[in-house]
Structure formats: C-alpha cells, structure tokens
Amino acid sequence: HGGGVVLGPAAGLLEELRDFHQRYNQAKVTENRQDYQHGIFQSIGFKEFHEYLVSEGNCSPETSALLLQKGIQALKQVSKRYARRQNKWVRNRFLKRPGPNVPPVYGLEVSDLLRWEEDVLKPALEIVESFIQGRKPPVEPVKMECDVNENKRSHRVCELCNRVIIGDREWAGRVLAGGFDTVITAMHREQCEAVSLAGSAWPDDPQHMILGFQGLFTACA
C-alpha cells in the first residue's frame, strides 16, 4: 500500500535494511556477488534501496537524498504490483473457484494505517476466534463472483473418469484444480506398464514384440 511505503522508512525499514546490508551484504557487494534473486534478498526493499545503501557515506548529502527518494518510489511501485498480484490470486483461487472446500474470504479496510488496530487487527482476530469457537463470524464473507453468461445446467462428460460434470463453474473448477494432469499421468503409467508386461511375455516372438512396442508408443503418446 502506498501509505505504508511512505511511513515504512520512518518506522524502521531503513535501519533494518542498513543493518542487514552492513552485516551480510556489504562483503558480497565488494566481491560483486550480490544476488537479489535468491533467499532473503528477494524480499521487497533490498533491491530497491541497493544504490542508496552502497553509496551511503561515499556521496554528497544531496545525492544520498535523491537516491533515497528513488528507492522509496521504486518500493511504492513494486508494492503496488505485488498487491495487484495478490488480489488477482485471491479472486481466481477463492472467489471464482467453486466447490465445498473453498473457504470464505473476508475483506478488511486497510486504507487508513492510523486505524490499523480498529479496522484490521481487531476484526481479523474476531473472525479467527469465531472459527475456533465454532461461532458465526460477526461480518459477512465476500460474495463469490459470478458470470452472467455462466450456464449452471450445462452437462459435460469427463472422458478420464467417466463422470458427468454439471455447470460451467464446476467444470472450470475441475480443470483449474489440476486434477486432469494427475489422472492422465496415472492412466498413461498404467497403460505403459501393462503393455511392457505384455511385450515381455513373448521374448522369442518378433511379431508379438512389434505389437507390444506399437502399443507402448500409442499409450504414451
């Protein structure tokens, strides 16, 4: 969130980055071995303030201030992109996916950081405590997103498991769940094993061996 990024440095973000840089990253920078693609260095903040941290104390105060602002702006942008990816993942994974195993999703107002405890922490704890105690939460969950063009009565036959799937949402959820790949892999493995055993049953019969290999290639195609 943009506001969080602005208040972050004043709340200790820069001190944490500076301390970590001095203890772990400074030697890597000197040896040109810094890597922001692995481990803790992937965390938001390290890469964005790299120029500021490595030049601190070695440049004018004006340049240092410019690099600091550059890092803050970069941090704002990457935070917004990350938030958009998070929201998209939640919508696709929970709000657009059918099924009884999908948990309810609750929305919290996070715009005003000064009201974090009242608007975020307190209601979140109440929701969690309600689930633990078996009570209905004090707020309603976010409604599932629906498609106006969705056909709830459509019938599709899954050729892999011979089941009839009713409704566009159920079919989409089944495909997105990743079950197809697992079923296909298992079926091909069983077919390949069966054909291999059949081929090995006639080691001295060239005709049967050819048929066995043809079946193997067909099953695993």
C-alpha atoms as a PDB file:
ATOM      1  CA  HIS A   1       0.000   0.000   0.000  1.00  0.00           C
ATOM      2  CA  GLY A   2       1.323   3.472  -0.907  1.00  0.00           C
ATOM      3  CA  GLY A   3       0.805   4.877   2.588  1.00  0.00           C
ATOM      4  CA  GLY A   4       2.664   2.011   4.156  1.00  0.00           C
ATOM      5  CA  VAL A   5       5.599   2.646   1.881  1.00  0.00           C
ATOM      6  CA  VAL A   6       5.762   6.310   2.893  1.00  0.00           C
ATOM      7  CA  LEU A   7       5.688   5.542   6.618  1.00  0.00           C
ATOM      8  CA  GLY A   8       7.903   2.480   6.304  1.00  0.00           C
ATOM      9  CA  PRO A   9      11.319   4.198   6.350  1.00  0.00           C
ATOM     10  CA  ALA A  10      10.347   6.307   9.386  1.00  0.00           C
ATOM     11  CA  ALA A  11       9.139   3.171  11.165  1.00  0.00           C
ATOM     12  CA  GLY A  12      12.497   1.492  10.936  1.00  0.00           C
ATOM     13  CA  LEU A  13      12.622  -0.024   7.463  1.00  0.00           C
ATOM     14  CA  LEU A  14      15.801   1.790   6.509  1.00  0.00           C
ATOM     15  CA  GLU A  15      17.500   0.902   9.781  1.00  0.00           C
ATOM     16  CA  GLU A  16      16.719  -2.764   9.233  1.00  0.00           C
ATOM     17  CA  LEU A  17      17.994  -2.640   5.648  1.00  0.00           C
ATOM     18  CA  ARG A  18      21.117  -0.742   6.683  1.00  0.00           C
ATOM     19  CA  ASP A  19      21.887  -3.208   9.479  1.00  0.00           C
ATOM     20  CA  PHE A  20      21.388  -6.212   7.218  1.00  0.00           C
ATOM     21  CA  HIS A  21      23.473  -4.633   4.477  1.00  0.00           C
ATOM     22  CA  GLN A  22      26.371  -3.958   6.837  1.00  0.00           C
ATOM     23  CA  ARG A  23      26.306  -7.431   8.350  1.00  0.00           C
ATOM     24  CA  TYR A  24      25.626  -9.644   5.346  1.00  0.00           C
ATOM     25  CA  ASN A  25      25.521  -7.848   2.033  1.00  0.00           C
ATOM     26  CA  GLN A  26      28.467  -5.431   2.133  1.00  0.00           C
ATOM     27  CA  ALA A  27      31.060  -8.137   1.552  1.00  0.00           C
ATOM     28  CA  LYS A  28      29.015  -9.559  -1.314  1.00  0.00           C
ATOM     29  CA  VAL A  29      28.798  -6.119  -2.949  1.00  0.00           C
ATOM     30  CA  THR A  30      32.566  -5.650  -2.608  1.00  0.00           C
ATOM     31  CA  GLU A  31      33.132  -9.006  -4.291  1.00  0.00           C
ATOM     32  CA  ASN A  32      30.345  -8.324  -6.824  1.00  0.00           C
ATOM     33  CA  ARG A  33      28.475 -11.420  -5.625  1.00  0.00           C
ATOM     34  CA  GLN A  34      25.187  -9.841  -4.540  1.00  0.00           C
ATOM     35  CA  ASP A  35      22.169 -11.788  -5.788  1.00  0.00           C
ATOM     36  CA  TYR A  36      18.649 -10.420  -5.426  1.00  0.00           C
ATOM     37  CA  GLN A  37      17.047 -13.494  -6.992  1.00  0.00           C
ATOM     38  CA  HIS A  38      17.587 -15.976  -4.156  1.00  0.00           C
ATOM     39  CA  GLY A  39      16.949 -16.267  -0.445  1.00  0.00           C
ATOM     40  CA  ILE A  40      16.101 -13.351   1.797  1.00  0.00           C
ATOM     41  CA  PHE A  41      17.497 -10.876  -0.731  1.00  0.00           C
ATOM     42  CA  GLN A  42      14.299 -11.386  -2.758  1.00  0.00           C
ATOM     43  CA  SER A  43      12.378  -9.544  -0.030  1.00  0.00           C
ATOM     44  CA  ILE A  44      10.881  -6.236  -1.087  1.00  0.00           C
ATOM     45  CA  GLY A  45      13.234  -3.423  -0.122  1.00  0.00           C
ATOM     46  CA  PHE A  46      16.716  -4.874  -0.598  1.00  0.00           C
ATOM     47  CA  LYS A  47      16.964  -4.381  -4.346  1.00  0.00           C
ATOM     48  CA  GLU A  48      15.070  -1.074  -4.357  1.00  0.00           C
ATOM     49  CA  PHE A  49      17.457   0.585  -1.865  1.00  0.00           C
ATOM     50  CA  HIS A  50      20.639  -1.029  -3.198  1.00  0.00           C
ATOM     51  CA  GLU A  51      22.069   2.165  -4.722  1.00  0.00           C
ATOM     52  CA  TYR A  52      21.286   4.165  -1.606  1.00  0.00           C
ATOM     53  CA  LEU A  53      22.894   1.652   0.738  1.00  0.00           C
ATOM     54  CA  VAL A  54      26.099   1.074  -1.240  1.00  0.00           C
ATOM     55  CA  SER A  55      26.684   4.815  -1.757  1.00  0.00           C
ATOM     56  CA  GLU A  56      25.825   5.920   1.781  1.00  0.00           C
ATOM     57  CA  GLY A  57      28.760   7.855   3.235  1.00  0.00           C
ATOM     58  CA  ASN A  58      30.522   7.974  -0.129  1.00  0.00           C
ATOM     59  CA  CYS A  59      28.478  10.710  -1.804  1.00  0.00           C
ATOM     60  CA  SER A  60      27.094  14.160  -1.079  1.00  0.00           C
ATOM     61  CA  PRO A  61      24.020  14.548   1.149  1.00  0.00           C
ATOM     62  CA  GLU A  62      22.076  15.808  -1.870  1.00  0.00           C
ATOM     63  CA  THR A  63      22.901  12.712  -3.915  1.00  0.00           C
ATOM     64  CA  SER A  64      22.108  10.461  -0.972  1.00  0.00           C
ATOM     65  CA  ALA A  65      18.718  12.159  -0.554  1.00  0.00           C
ATOM     66  CA  LEU A  66      17.947  11.687  -4.259  1.00  0.00           C
ATOM     67  CA  LEU A  67      18.882   8.004  -4.089  1.00  0.00           C
ATOM     68  CA  LEU A  68      16.692   7.619  -1.010  1.00  0.00           C
ATOM     69  CA  GLN A  69      13.699   9.114  -2.822  1.00  0.00           C
ATOM     70  CA  LYS A  70      14.446   6.922  -5.840  1.00  0.00           C
ATOM     71  CA  GLY A  71      14.376   3.863  -3.598  1.00  0.00           C
ATOM     72  CA  ILE A  72      11.093   4.928  -1.991  1.00  0.00           C
ATOM     73  CA  GLN A  73       9.441   5.431  -5.384  1.00  0.00           C
ATOM     74  CA  ALA A  74      10.711   2.052  -6.594  1.00  0.00           C
ATOM     75  CA  LEU A  75       9.405   0.454  -3.408  1.00  0.00           C
ATOM     76  CA  LYS A  76       5.977   2.028  -3.979  1.00  0.00           C
ATOM     77  CA  GLN A  77       5.803   0.622  -7.497  1.00  0.00           C
ATOM     78  CA  VAL A  78       6.871  -2.902  -6.594  1.00  0.00           C
ATOM     79  CA  SER A  79       4.499  -2.909  -3.604  1.00  0.00           C
ATOM     80  CA  LYS A  80       1.570  -1.945  -5.837  1.00  0.00           C
ATOM     81  CA  ARG A  81       2.454  -4.670  -8.363  1.00  0.00           C
ATOM     82  CA  TYR A  82       2.723  -7.218  -5.579  1.00  0.00           C
ATOM     83  CA  ALA A  83      -0.639  -6.146  -4.132  1.00  0.00           C
ATOM     84  CA  ARG A  84      -2.304  -6.477  -7.542  1.00  0.00           C
ATOM     85  CA  ARG A  85      -0.878  -9.979  -7.971  1.00  0.00           C
ATOM     86  CA  GLN A  86      -2.113 -10.918  -4.501  1.00  0.00           C
ATOM     87  CA  ASN A  87      -5.628  -9.645  -5.192  1.00  0.00           C
ATOM     88  CA  LYS A  88      -5.753 -11.412  -8.542  1.00  0.00           C
ATOM     89  CA  TRP A  89      -4.588 -14.677  -6.957  1.00  0.00           C
ATOM     90  CA  VAL A  90      -7.236 -14.451  -4.224  1.00  0.00           C
ATOM     91  CA  ARG A  91     -10.012 -13.764  -6.733  1.00  0.00           C
ATOM     92  CA  ASN A  92      -9.012 -16.605  -9.047  1.00  0.00           C
ATOM     93  CA  ARG A  93      -8.202 -19.093  -6.300  1.00  0.00           C
ATOM     94  CA  PHE A  94     -11.141 -18.483  -3.956  1.00  0.00           C
ATOM     95  CA  LEU A  95     -13.820 -16.126  -5.302  1.00  0.00           C
ATOM     96  CA  LYS A  96     -14.048 -17.676  -8.779  1.00  0.00           C
ATOM     97  CA  ARG A  97     -13.449 -21.296  -7.841  1.00  0.00           C
ATOM     98  CA  PRO A  98     -16.470 -23.449  -6.966  1.00  0.00           C
ATOM     99  CA  GLY A  99     -16.637 -26.293  -4.513  1.00  0.00           C
ATOM    100  CA  PRO A 100     -17.345 -27.030  -0.855  1.00  0.00           C
ATOM    101  CA  ASN A 101     -13.658 -26.961   0.073  1.00  0.00           C
ATOM    102  CA  VAL A 102     -13.222 -23.281  -0.767  1.00  0.00           C
ATOM    103  CA  PRO A 103     -13.013 -21.278   2.491  1.00  0.00           C
ATOM    104  CA  PRO A 104     -14.903 -17.992   2.959  1.00  0.00           C
ATOM    105  CA  VAL A 105     -12.941 -14.833   2.229  1.00  0.00           C
ATOM    106  CA  TYR A 106     -13.340 -11.747   4.410  1.00  0.00           C
ATOM    107  CA  GLY A 107     -12.480  -8.221   3.346  1.00  0.00           C
ATOM    108  CA  LEU A 108     -10.824  -5.708   5.669  1.00  0.00           C
ATOM    109  CA  GLU A 109     -10.478  -1.943   5.288  1.00  0.00           C
ATOM    110  CA  VAL A 110      -6.763  -1.163   5.156  1.00  0.00           C
ATOM    111  CA  SER A 111      -6.735   2.319   3.621  1.00  0.00           C
ATOM    112  CA  ASP A 112      -6.052   4.239   6.842  1.00  0.00           C
ATOM    113  CA  LEU A 113      -2.883   2.982   8.501  1.00  0.00           C
ATOM    114  CA  LEU A 114      -3.605   5.095  11.578  1.00  0.00           C
ATOM    115  CA  ARG A 115      -6.676   2.918  12.173  1.00  0.00           C
ATOM    116  CA  TRP A 116      -4.844  -0.382  11.705  1.00  0.00           C
ATOM    117  CA  GLU A 117      -5.842  -1.846  15.054  1.00  0.00           C
ATOM    118  CA  GLU A 118      -9.516  -0.826  14.776  1.00  0.00           C
ATOM    119  CA  ASP A 119     -10.046  -1.653  11.080  1.00  0.00           C
ATOM    120  CA  VAL A 120      -7.709  -4.617  10.565  1.00  0.00           C
ATOM    121  CA  LEU A 121      -6.309  -6.272  13.678  1.00  0.00           C
ATOM    122  CA  LYS A 122      -9.453  -6.300  15.828  1.00  0.00           C
ATOM    123  CA  PRO A 123     -11.917  -7.582  13.178  1.00  0.00           C
ATOM    124  CA  ALA A 124      -9.379 -10.143  11.929  1.00  0.00           C
ATOM    125  CA  LEU A 125      -8.926 -11.544  15.440  1.00  0.00           C
ATOM    126  CA  GLU A 126     -12.705 -11.667  15.924  1.00  0.00           C
ATOM    127  CA  ILE A 127     -13.132 -13.670  12.711  1.00  0.00           C
ATOM    128  CA  VAL A 128     -10.400 -16.138  13.683  1.00  0.00           C
ATOM    129  CA  GLU A 129     -11.784 -16.539  17.214  1.00  0.00           C
ATOM    130  CA  SER A 130     -15.265 -17.171  15.787  1.00  0.00           C
ATOM    131  CA  PHE A 131     -13.963 -20.045  13.676  1.00  0.00           C
ATOM    132  CA  ILE A 132     -12.005 -21.506  16.580  1.00  0.00           C
ATOM    133  CA  GLN A 133     -15.049 -21.353  18.866  1.00  0.00           C
ATOM    134  CA  GLY A 134     -17.464 -22.607  16.211  1.00  0.00           C
ATOM    135  CA  ARG A 135     -19.450 -19.368  16.073  1.00  0.00           C
ATOM    136  CA  LYS A 136     -20.628 -17.388  13.088  1.00  0.00           C
ATOM    137  CA  PRO A 137     -18.217 -14.501  12.380  1.00  0.00           C
ATOM    138  CA  PRO A 138     -19.561 -11.001  13.104  1.00  0.00           C
ATOM    139  CA  VAL A 139     -19.130  -9.949   9.451  1.00  0.00           C
ATOM    140  CA  GLU A 140     -20.289 -11.499   6.195  1.00  0.00           C
ATOM    141  CA  PRO A 141     -17.725 -13.009   3.801  1.00  0.00           C
ATOM    142  CA  VAL A 142     -17.071 -11.579   0.361  1.00  0.00           C
ATOM    143  CA  LYS A 143     -19.587 -12.883  -2.159  1.00  0.00           C
ATOM    144  CA  MET A 144     -18.437 -15.330  -4.799  1.00  0.00           C
ATOM    145  CA  GLU A 145     -18.007 -13.681  -8.181  1.00  0.00           C
ATOM    146  CA  CYS A 146     -20.483 -14.905 -10.781  1.00  0.00           C
ATOM    147  CA  ASP A 147     -20.506 -14.765 -14.562  1.00  0.00           C
ATOM    148  CA  VAL A 148     -23.747 -13.561 -16.168  1.00  0.00           C
ATOM    149  CA  ASN A 149     -23.034 -15.876 -19.117  1.00  0.00           C
ATOM    150  CA  GLU A 150     -22.491 -18.885 -16.869  1.00  0.00           C
ATOM    151  CA  ASN A 151     -24.645 -21.916 -17.681  1.00  0.00           C
ATOM    152  CA  LYS A 152     -25.451 -23.690 -14.422  1.00  0.00           C
ATOM    153  CA  ARG A 153     -27.201 -26.558 -16.221  1.00  0.00           C
ATOM    154  CA  SER A 154     -24.586 -27.465 -18.796  1.00  0.00           C
ATOM    155  CA  HIS A 155     -23.552 -31.127 -18.912  1.00  0.00           C
ATOM    156  CA  ARG A 156     -20.053 -32.298 -19.747  1.00  0.00           C
ATOM    157  CA  VAL A 157     -18.716 -35.832 -19.602  1.00  0.00           C
ATOM    158  CA  CYS A 158     -15.171 -36.213 -18.317  1.00  0.00           C
ATOM    159  CA  GLU A 159     -13.583 -38.857 -20.521  1.00  0.00           C
ATOM    160  CA  LEU A 160     -10.876 -39.507 -17.954  1.00  0.00           C
ATOM    161  CA  CYS A 161     -13.109 -40.517 -15.052  1.00  0.00           C
ATOM    162  CA  ASN A 162     -16.443 -41.082 -16.857  1.00  0.00           C
ATOM    163  CA  ARG A 163     -18.209 -38.576 -14.619  1.00  0.00           C
ATOM    164  CA  VAL A 164     -20.884 -36.090 -15.659  1.00  0.00           C
ATOM    165  CA  ILE A 165     -19.975 -32.536 -14.623  1.00  0.00           C
ATOM    166  CA  ILE A 166     -22.945 -30.165 -14.332  1.00  0.00           C
ATOM    167  CA  GLY A 167     -22.447 -26.404 -14.670  1.00  0.00           C
ATOM    168  CA  ASP A 168     -19.772 -24.206 -16.231  1.00  0.00           C
ATOM    169  CA  ARG A 169     -18.381 -23.201 -12.825  1.00  0.00           C
ATOM    170  CA  GLU A 170     -17.934 -26.801 -11.679  1.00  0.00           C
ATOM    171  CA  TRP A 171     -16.242 -27.712 -14.948  1.00  0.00           C
ATOM    172  CA  ALA A 172     -13.889 -24.726 -14.788  1.00  0.00           C
ATOM    173  CA  GLY A 173     -13.047 -25.521 -11.181  1.00  0.00           C
ATOM    174  CA  ARG A 174     -12.257 -29.107 -12.082  1.00  0.00           C
ATOM    175  CA  VAL A 175      -9.926 -28.056 -14.888  1.00  0.00           C
ATOM    176  CA  LEU A 176      -8.185 -25.349 -12.817  1.00  0.00           C
ATOM    177  CA  ALA A 177      -7.756 -27.707  -9.876  1.00  0.00           C
ATOM    178  CA  GLY A 178      -5.020 -29.548 -11.770  1.00  0.00           C
ATOM    179  CA  GLY A 179      -6.619 -32.975 -11.395  1.00  0.00           C
ATOM    180  CA  PHE A 180      -6.512 -33.680 -15.108  1.00  0.00           C
ATOM    181  CA  ASP A 181      -2.735 -33.880 -15.285  1.00  0.00           C
ATOM    182  CA  THR A 182      -2.619 -36.310 -12.375  1.00  0.00           C
ATOM    183  CA  VAL A 183      -5.265 -38.575 -13.880  1.00  0.00           C
ATOM    184  CA  ILE A 184      -3.630 -38.560 -17.317  1.00  0.00           C
ATOM    185  CA  THR A 185      -0.213 -39.352 -15.865  1.00  0.00           C
ATOM    186  CA  ALA A 186      -1.609 -42.237 -13.809  1.00  0.00           C
ATOM    187  CA  MET A 187      -3.534 -43.667 -16.779  1.00  0.00           C
ATOM    188  CA  HIS A 188      -0.522 -43.488 -19.086  1.00  0.00           C
ATOM    189  CA  ARG A 189       1.696 -45.093 -16.468  1.00  0.00           C
ATOM    190  CA  GLU A 190      -0.729 -47.986 -16.011  1.00  0.00           C
ATOM    191  CA  GLN A 191      -1.076 -48.440 -19.771  1.00  0.00           C
ATOM    192  CA  CYS A 192       2.661 -48.362 -20.303  1.00  0.00           C
ATOM    193  CA  GLU A 193       3.261 -50.887 -17.521  1.00  0.00           C
ATOM    194  CA  ALA A 194       0.582 -53.196 -18.910  1.00  0.00           C
ATOM    195  CA  VAL A 195       1.964 -53.021 -22.450  1.00  0.00           C
ATOM    196  CA  SER A 196       5.515 -53.554 -21.226  1.00  0.00           C
ATOM    197  CA  LEU A 197       4.460 -56.693 -19.370  1.00  0.00           C
ATOM    198  CA  ALA A 198       2.604 -57.918 -22.440  1.00  0.00           C
ATOM    199  CA  GLY A 199       5.648 -57.379 -24.627  1.00  0.00           C
ATOM    200  CA  SER A 200       7.957 -59.196 -22.214  1.00  0.00           C
ATOM    201  CA  ALA A 201       5.664 -62.242 -22.238  1.00  0.00           C
ATOM    202  CA  TRP A 202       6.806 -63.172 -25.752  1.00  0.00           C
ATOM    203  CA  PRO A 203      10.548 -62.571 -25.832  1.00  0.00           C
ATOM    204  CA  ASP A 204      11.068 -65.053 -28.658  1.00  0.00           C
ATOM    205  CA  ASP A 205       8.178 -63.946 -30.872  1.00  0.00           C
ATOM    206  CA  PRO A 206       9.161 -60.959 -33.085  1.00  0.00           C
ATOM    207  CA  GLN A 207       5.546 -60.317 -34.123  1.00  0.00           C
ATOM    208  CA  HIS A 208       4.362 -60.005 -30.554  1.00  0.00           C
ATOM    209  CA  MET A 209       7.345 -57.827 -29.694  1.00  0.00           C
ATOM    210  CA  ILE A 210       6.434 -55.402 -32.514  1.00  0.00           C
ATOM    211  CA  LEU A 211       2.819 -55.257 -31.367  1.00  0.00           C
ATOM    212  CA  GLY A 212       3.979 -54.625 -27.832  1.00  0.00           C
ATOM    213  CA  PHE A 213       6.166 -51.689 -28.819  1.00  0.00           C
ATOM    214  CA  GLN A 214       3.402 -50.228 -31.007  1.00  0.00           C
ATOM    215  CA  GLY A 215       1.006 -50.347 -28.059  1.00  0.00           C
ATOM    216  CA  LEU A 216       3.616 -48.752 -25.827  1.00  0.00           C
ATOM    217  CA  PHE A 217       4.086 -45.787 -28.162  1.00  0.00           C
ATOM    218  CA  THR A 218       0.307 -45.403 -28.575  1.00  0.00           C
ATOM    219  CA  ALA A 219      -0.330 -45.436 -24.835  1.00  0.00           C
ATOM    220  CA  CYS A 220       2.437 -42.962 -24.041  1.00  0.00           C
ATOM    221  CA  ALA A 221       1.821 -40.591 -26.968  1.00  0.00           C
END
